[in-house]
Amino acid sequence: GITVGGTIIQNELKKRLPHDFLAQFPDG
C-alpha cells in the first residue's frame, strides 16, 4: 500500500504540477 501509493502520488504530481514550480526541486 505504501509503495503503490507513494509511486502513484510521485508520478501524478510530476504530471500535474506546473513545470516552473516543479523545476525548483531536484530530481530524485
PDB file of all heavy atoms in Angstrom:
ATOM      1  N   GLY A   1       0.809  -1.208   0.000  1.00  0.00           N
ATOM      2  CA  GLY A   1       0.000   0.000   0.000  1.00  0.00           C
ATOM      3  C   GLY A   1       0.846   1.262   0.000  1.00  0.00           C
ATOM      4  O   GLY A   1       0.581   2.214  -0.737  1.00  0.00           O
ATOM      5  N   ILE A   2       1.892   1.274   0.809  1.00  0.00           N
ATOM      6  CA  ILE A   2       2.776   2.438   0.852  1.00  0.00           C
ATOM      7  C   ILE A   2       3.558   2.571  -0.447  1.00  0.00           C
ATOM      8  O   ILE A   2       3.707   3.669  -0.988  1.00  0.00           O
ATOM      9  CB  ILE A   2       3.717   2.348   2.069  1.00  0.00           C
ATOM     10  CG1 ILE A   2       2.915   2.542   3.344  1.00  0.00           C
ATOM     11  CG2 ILE A   2       4.842   3.365   1.973  1.00  0.00           C
ATOM     12  CD1 ILE A   2       3.693   2.285   4.607  1.00  0.00           C
ATOM     13  N   THR A   3       4.046   1.458  -0.970  1.00  0.00           N
ATOM     14  CA  THR A   3       4.829   1.502  -2.207  1.00  0.00           C
ATOM     15  C   THR A   3       3.983   1.965  -3.385  1.00  0.00           C
ATOM     16  O   THR A   3       4.393   2.860  -4.139  1.00  0.00           O
ATOM     17  CB  THR A   3       5.424   0.116  -2.506  1.00  0.00           C
ATOM     18  OG1 THR A   3       6.215  -0.293  -1.386  1.00  0.00           O
ATOM     19  CG2 THR A   3       6.272   0.136  -3.745  1.00  0.00           C
ATOM     20  N   VAL A   4       2.824   1.394  -3.540  1.00  0.00           N
ATOM     21  CA  VAL A   4       1.956   1.758  -4.660  1.00  0.00           C
ATOM     22  C   VAL A   4       1.461   3.198  -4.499  1.00  0.00           C
ATOM     23  O   VAL A   4       1.491   3.982  -5.451  1.00  0.00           O
ATOM     24  CB  VAL A   4       0.773   0.772  -4.771  1.00  0.00           C
ATOM     25  CG1 VAL A   4      -0.271   1.260  -5.758  1.00  0.00           C
ATOM     26  CG2 VAL A   4       1.278  -0.603  -5.185  1.00  0.00           C
ATOM     27  N   GLY A   5       1.038   3.565  -3.304  1.00  0.00           N
ATOM     28  CA  GLY A   5       0.554   4.924  -3.071  1.00  0.00           C
ATOM     29  C   GLY A   5       1.632   5.971  -3.287  1.00  0.00           C
ATOM     30  O   GLY A   5       1.395   7.019  -3.897  1.00  0.00           O
ATOM     31  N   GLY A   6       2.834   5.708  -2.796  1.00  0.00           N
ATOM     32  CA  GLY A   6       3.937   6.645  -2.990  1.00  0.00           C
ATOM     33  C   GLY A   6       4.336   6.804  -4.436  1.00  0.00           C
ATOM     34  O   GLY A   6       4.633   7.912  -4.904  1.00  0.00           O
ATOM     35  N   THR A   7       4.340   5.700  -5.168  1.00  0.00           N
ATOM     36  CA  THR A   7       4.674   5.756  -6.587  1.00  0.00           C
ATOM     37  C   THR A   7       3.625   6.523  -7.369  1.00  0.00           C
ATOM     38  O   THR A   7       3.955   7.346  -8.235  1.00  0.00           O
ATOM     39  CB  THR A   7       4.811   4.329  -7.151  1.00  0.00           C
ATOM     40  OG1 THR A   7       5.814   3.643  -6.399  1.00  0.00           O
ATOM     41  CG2 THR A   7       5.182   4.343  -8.609  1.00  0.00           C
ATOM     42  N   ILE A   8       2.365   6.278  -7.059  1.00  0.00           N
ATOM     43  CA  ILE A   8       1.288   6.968  -7.767  1.00  0.00           C
ATOM     44  C   ILE A   8       1.345   8.465  -7.516  1.00  0.00           C
ATOM     45  O   ILE A   8       1.274   9.268  -8.458  1.00  0.00           O
ATOM     46  CB  ILE A   8      -0.084   6.396  -7.368  1.00  0.00           C
ATOM     47  CG1 ILE A   8      -0.242   4.996  -7.918  1.00  0.00           C
ATOM     48  CG2 ILE A   8      -1.216   7.291  -7.852  1.00  0.00           C
ATOM     49  CD1 ILE A   8      -1.449   4.265  -7.395  1.00  0.00           C
ATOM     50  N   ILE A   9       1.488   8.876  -6.262  1.00  0.00           N
ATOM     51  CA  ILE A   9       1.474  10.312  -5.981  1.00  0.00           C
ATOM     52  C   ILE A   9       2.698  10.995  -6.581  1.00  0.00           C
ATOM     53  O   ILE A   9       2.616  12.111  -7.086  1.00  0.00           O
ATOM     54  CB  ILE A   9       1.327  10.617  -4.475  1.00  0.00           C
ATOM     55  CG1 ILE A   9       0.864  12.062  -4.296  1.00  0.00           C
ATOM     56  CG2 ILE A   9       2.606  10.366  -3.717  1.00  0.00           C
ATOM     57  CD1 ILE A   9       0.268  12.369  -2.968  1.00  0.00           C
ATOM     58  N   GLN A  10       3.838  10.327  -6.569  1.00  0.00           N
ATOM     59  CA  GLN A  10       5.046  10.909  -7.166  1.00  0.00           C
ATOM     60  C   GLN A  10       4.850  11.123  -8.669  1.00  0.00           C
ATOM     61  O   GLN A  10       5.128  12.195  -9.200  1.00  0.00           O
ATOM     62  CB  GLN A  10       6.241   9.977  -6.897  1.00  0.00           C
ATOM     63  CG  GLN A  10       7.544  10.475  -7.418  1.00  0.00           C
ATOM     64  CD  GLN A  10       8.197  11.504  -6.520  1.00  0.00           C
ATOM     65  OE1 GLN A  10       7.699  11.862  -5.475  1.00  0.00           O
ATOM     66  NE2 GLN A  10       9.321  11.995  -6.951  1.00  0.00           N
ATOM     67  N   ASN A  11       4.363  10.105  -9.353  1.00  0.00           N
ATOM     68  CA  ASN A  11       4.178  10.204 -10.806  1.00  0.00           C
ATOM     69  C   ASN A  11       3.075  11.187 -11.181  1.00  0.00           C
ATOM     70  O   ASN A  11       3.205  11.945 -12.143  1.00  0.00           O
ATOM     71  CB  ASN A  11       3.878   8.829 -11.398  1.00  0.00           C
ATOM     72  CG  ASN A  11       5.079   7.915 -11.333  1.00  0.00           C
ATOM     73  OD1 ASN A  11       6.215   8.363 -11.270  1.00  0.00           O
ATOM     74  ND2 ASN A  11       4.823   6.623 -11.322  1.00  0.00           N
ATOM     75  N   GLU A  12       1.984  11.180 -10.423  1.00  0.00           N
ATOM     76  CA  GLU A  12       0.883  12.084 -10.735  1.00  0.00           C
ATOM     77  C   GLU A  12       1.264  13.537 -10.478  1.00  0.00           C
ATOM     78  O   GLU A  12       0.879  14.426 -11.237  1.00  0.00           O
ATOM     79  CB  GLU A  12      -0.366  11.709  -9.935  1.00  0.00           C
ATOM     80  CG  GLU A  12      -1.006  10.411 -10.370  1.00  0.00           C
ATOM     81  CD  GLU A  12      -1.554  10.471 -11.779  1.00  0.00           C
ATOM     82  OE1 GLU A  12      -2.157  11.497 -12.156  1.00  0.00           O
ATOM     83  OE2 GLU A  12      -1.377   9.490 -12.516  1.00  0.00           O
ATOM     84  N   LEU A  13       2.015  13.794  -9.408  1.00  0.00           N
ATOM     85  CA  LEU A  13       2.449  15.165  -9.149  1.00  0.00           C
ATOM     86  C   LEU A  13       3.412  15.655 -10.232  1.00  0.00           C
ATOM     87  O   LEU A  13       3.371  16.820 -10.609  1.00  0.00           O
ATOM     88  CB  LEU A  13       3.092  15.282  -7.767  1.00  0.00           C
ATOM     89  CG  LEU A  13       2.139  15.250  -6.579  1.00  0.00           C
ATOM     90  CD1 LEU A  13       2.917  15.256  -5.276  1.00  0.00           C
ATOM     91  CD2 LEU A  13       1.154  16.392  -6.634  1.00  0.00           C
ATOM     92  N   LYS A  14       4.250  14.772 -10.729  1.00  0.00           N
ATOM     93  CA  LYS A  14       5.148  15.163 -11.827  1.00  0.00           C
ATOM     94  C   LYS A  14       4.358  15.559 -13.068  1.00  0.00           C
ATOM     95  O   LYS A  14       4.763  16.446 -13.810  1.00  0.00           O
ATOM     96  CB  LYS A  14       6.107  14.026 -12.175  1.00  0.00           C
ATOM     97  CG  LYS A  14       7.242  13.868 -11.207  1.00  0.00           C
ATOM     98  CD  LYS A  14       8.177  12.760 -11.648  1.00  0.00           C
ATOM     99  CE  LYS A  14       9.303  12.579 -10.671  1.00  0.00           C
ATOM    100  NZ  LYS A  14      10.201  11.476 -11.065  1.00  0.00           N
ATOM    101  N   LYS A  15       3.224  14.905 -13.298  1.00  0.00           N
ATOM    102  CA  LYS A  15       2.401  15.225 -14.463  1.00  0.00           C
ATOM    103  C   LYS A  15       1.549  16.471 -14.249  1.00  0.00           C
ATOM    104  O   LYS A  15       1.338  17.245 -15.179  1.00  0.00           O
ATOM    105  CB  LYS A  15       1.462  14.061 -14.795  1.00  0.00           C
ATOM    106  CG  LYS A  15       2.142  12.875 -15.413  1.00  0.00           C
ATOM    107  CD  LYS A  15       1.163  11.875 -15.980  1.00  0.00           C
ATOM    108  CE  LYS A  15       0.161  11.395 -14.989  1.00  0.00           C
ATOM    109  NZ  LYS A  15      -0.656  10.253 -15.465  1.00  0.00           N
ATOM    110  N   ARG A  16       1.064  16.678 -13.027  1.00  0.00           N
ATOM    111  CA  ARG A  16       0.043  17.693 -12.788  1.00  0.00           C
ATOM    112  C   ARG A  16       0.568  19.038 -12.281  1.00  0.00           C
ATOM    113  O   ARG A  16      -0.110  20.042 -12.436  1.00  0.00           O
ATOM    114  CB  ARG A  16      -0.981  17.154 -11.792  1.00  0.00           C
ATOM    115  CG  ARG A  16      -1.722  15.946 -12.307  1.00  0.00           C
ATOM    116  CD  ARG A  16      -2.629  15.379 -11.240  1.00  0.00           C
ATOM    117  NE  ARG A  16      -3.203  14.114 -11.623  1.00  0.00           N
ATOM    118  CZ  ARG A  16      -4.299  13.968 -12.346  1.00  0.00           C
ATOM    119  NH1 ARG A  16      -4.943  15.024 -12.770  1.00  0.00           N
ATOM    120  NH2 ARG A  16      -4.752  12.771 -12.652  1.00  0.00           N
ATOM    121  N   LEU A  17       1.707  19.066 -11.639  1.00  0.00           N
ATOM    122  CA  LEU A  17       2.225  20.331 -11.109  1.00  0.00           C
ATOM    123  C   LEU A  17       2.754  21.211 -12.235  1.00  0.00           C
ATOM    124  O   LEU A  17       3.243  20.692 -13.244  1.00  0.00           O
ATOM    125  CB  LEU A  17       3.340  20.072 -10.100  1.00  0.00           C
ATOM    126  CG  LEU A  17       2.903  19.541  -8.743  1.00  0.00           C
ATOM    127  CD1 LEU A  17       4.118  19.159  -7.912  1.00  0.00           C
ATOM    128  CD2 LEU A  17       2.062  20.568  -8.008  1.00  0.00           C
ATOM    129  N   PRO A  18       2.668  22.517 -12.072  1.00  0.00           N
ATOM    130  CA  PRO A  18       3.247  23.412 -13.084  1.00  0.00           C
ATOM    131  C   PRO A  18       4.760  23.166 -13.198  1.00  0.00           C
ATOM    132  O   PRO A  18       5.453  22.985 -12.200  1.00  0.00           O
ATOM    133  CB  PRO A  18       2.962  24.808 -12.517  1.00  0.00           C
ATOM    134  CG  PRO A  18       1.865  24.626 -11.529  1.00  0.00           C
ATOM    135  CD  PRO A  18       1.983  23.245 -11.010  1.00  0.00           C
ATOM    136  N   HIS A  19       5.252  23.168 -14.429  1.00  0.00           N
ATOM    137  CA  HIS A  19       6.658  22.827 -14.677  1.00  0.00           C
ATOM    138  C   HIS A  19       7.619  23.845 -14.057  1.00  0.00           C
ATOM    139  O   HIS A  19       8.701  23.473 -13.600  1.00  0.00           O
ATOM    140  CB  HIS A  19       6.910  22.687 -16.172  1.00  0.00           C
ATOM    141  CG  HIS A  19       6.185  21.524 -16.766  1.00  0.00           C
ATOM    142  ND1 HIS A  19       6.531  20.225 -16.481  1.00  0.00           N
ATOM    143  CD2 HIS A  19       5.118  21.464 -17.604  1.00  0.00           C
ATOM    144  CE1 HIS A  19       5.720  19.406 -17.121  1.00  0.00           C
ATOM    145  NE2 HIS A  19       4.843  20.132 -17.821  1.00  0.00           N
ATOM    146  N   ASP A  20       7.244  25.123 -14.032  1.00  0.00           N
ATOM    147  CA  ASP A  20       8.105  26.130 -13.411  1.00  0.00           C
ATOM    148  C   ASP A  20       8.262  25.875 -11.908  1.00  0.00           C
ATOM    149  O   ASP A  20       9.347  26.021 -11.352  1.00  0.00           O
ATOM    150  CB  ASP A  20       7.540  27.534 -13.635  1.00  0.00           C
ATOM    151  CG  ASP A  20       7.493  27.902 -15.106  1.00  0.00           C
ATOM    152  OD1 ASP A  20       8.277  27.322 -15.881  1.00  0.00           O
ATOM    153  OD2 ASP A  20       6.672  28.765 -15.469  1.00  0.00           O
ATOM    154  N   PHE A  21       7.173  25.491 -11.270  1.00  0.00           N
ATOM    155  CA  PHE A  21       7.214  25.196  -9.839  1.00  0.00           C
ATOM    156  C   PHE A  21       7.973  23.902  -9.569  1.00  0.00           C
ATOM    157  O   PHE A  21       8.748  23.794  -8.624  1.00  0.00           O
ATOM    158  CB  PHE A  21       5.795  25.100  -9.294  1.00  0.00           C
ATOM    159  CG  PHE A  21       5.724  24.755  -7.843  1.00  0.00           C
ATOM    160  CD1 PHE A  21       6.136  25.662  -6.878  1.00  0.00           C
ATOM    161  CD2 PHE A  21       5.251  23.532  -7.430  1.00  0.00           C
ATOM    162  CE1 PHE A  21       6.075  25.345  -5.523  1.00  0.00           C
ATOM    163  CE2 PHE A  21       5.188  23.205  -6.092  1.00  0.00           C
ATOM    164  CZ  PHE A  21       5.599  24.117  -5.139  1.00  0.00           C
ATOM    165  N   LEU A  22       7.783  22.914 -10.410  1.00  0.00           N
ATOM    166  CA  LEU A  22       8.429  21.611 -10.253  1.00  0.00           C
ATOM    167  C   LEU A  22       9.936  21.696 -10.454  1.00  0.00           C
ATOM    168  O   LEU A  22      10.694  20.920  -9.867  1.00  0.00           O
ATOM    169  CB  LEU A  22       7.807  20.616 -11.234  1.00  0.00           C
ATOM    170  CG  LEU A  22       8.050  19.145 -11.003  1.00  0.00           C
ATOM    171  CD1 LEU A  22       7.581  18.729  -9.626  1.00  0.00           C
ATOM    172  CD2 LEU A  22       7.325  18.346 -12.066  1.00  0.00           C
ATOM    173  N   ALA A  23      10.390  22.663 -11.236  1.00  0.00           N
ATOM    174  CA  ALA A  23      11.821  22.803 -11.514  1.00  0.00           C
ATOM    175  C   ALA A  23      12.612  23.243 -10.283  1.00  0.00           C
ATOM    176  O   ALA A  23      13.832  23.106 -10.259  1.00  0.00           O
ATOM    177  CB  ALA A  23      12.024  23.806 -12.638  1.00  0.00           C
ATOM    178  N   GLN A  24      11.938  23.733  -9.244  1.00  0.00           N
ATOM    179  CA  GLN A  24      12.612  24.153  -8.014  1.00  0.00           C
ATOM    180  C   GLN A  24      13.193  22.978  -7.234  1.00  0.00           C
ATOM    181  O   GLN A  24      14.103  23.150  -6.437  1.00  0.00           O
ATOM    182  CB  GLN A  24      11.637  24.886  -7.093  1.00  0.00           C
ATOM    183  CG  GLN A  24      11.056  26.136  -7.651  1.00  0.00           C
ATOM    184  CD  GLN A  24      10.030  26.716  -6.695  1.00  0.00           C
ATOM    185  OE1 GLN A  24      10.007  26.394  -5.507  1.00  0.00           O
ATOM    186  NE2 GLN A  24       9.166  27.566  -7.212  1.00  0.00           N
ATOM    187  N   PHE A  25      12.644  21.802  -7.463  1.00  0.00           N
ATOM    188  CA  PHE A  25      13.024  20.628  -6.682  1.00  0.00           C
ATOM    189  C   PHE A  25      13.937  19.733  -7.507  1.00  0.00           C
ATOM    190  O   PHE A  25      13.663  19.459  -8.667  1.00  0.00           O
ATOM    191  CB  PHE A  25      11.771  19.869  -6.243  1.00  0.00           C
ATOM    192  CG  PHE A  25      10.832  20.725  -5.462  1.00  0.00           C
ATOM    193  CD1 PHE A  25       9.758  21.350  -6.082  1.00  0.00           C
ATOM    194  CD2 PHE A  25      11.046  20.953  -4.119  1.00  0.00           C
ATOM    195  CE1 PHE A  25       8.908  22.158  -5.367  1.00  0.00           C
ATOM    196  CE2 PHE A  25      10.190  21.761  -3.394  1.00  0.00           C
ATOM    197  CZ  PHE A  25       9.123  22.369  -4.013  1.00  0.00           C
ATOM    198  N   PRO A  26      15.034  19.254  -6.916  1.00  0.00           N
ATOM    199  CA  PRO A  26      15.970  18.424  -7.679  1.00  0.00           C
ATOM    200  C   PRO A  26      15.370  17.060  -8.021  1.00  0.00           C
ATOM    201  O   PRO A  26      14.445  16.590  -7.355  1.00  0.00           O
ATOM    202  CB  PRO A  26      17.167  18.281  -6.735  1.00  0.00           C
ATOM    203  CG  PRO A  26      16.623  18.532  -5.376  1.00  0.00           C
ATOM    204  CD  PRO A  26      15.464  19.465  -5.546  1.00  0.00           C
ATOM    205  N   ASP A  27      15.905  16.435  -9.052  1.00  0.00           N
ATOM    206  CA  ASP A  27      15.457  15.096  -9.431  1.00  0.00           C
ATOM    207  C   ASP A  27      15.812  14.104  -8.332  1.00  0.00           C
ATOM    208  O   ASP A  27      16.826  14.228  -7.664  1.00  0.00           O
ATOM    209  CB  ASP A  27      16.129  14.663 -10.741  1.00  0.00           C
ATOM    210  CG  ASP A  27      15.578  15.412 -11.933  1.00  0.00           C
ATOM    211  OD1 ASP A  27      14.438  15.905 -11.850  1.00  0.00           O
ATOM    212  OD2 ASP A  27      16.294  15.504 -12.950  1.00  0.00           O
ATOM    213  N   GLY A  28      14.953  13.130  -8.160  1.00  0.00           N
ATOM    214  CA  GLY A  28      15.201  12.104  -7.172  1.00  0.00           C
ATOM    215  C   GLY A  28      14.639  12.402  -5.790  1.00  0.00           C
ATOM    216  O   GLY A  28      14.658  11.549  -4.922  1.00  0.00           O
TER     217      GLY A  28
END
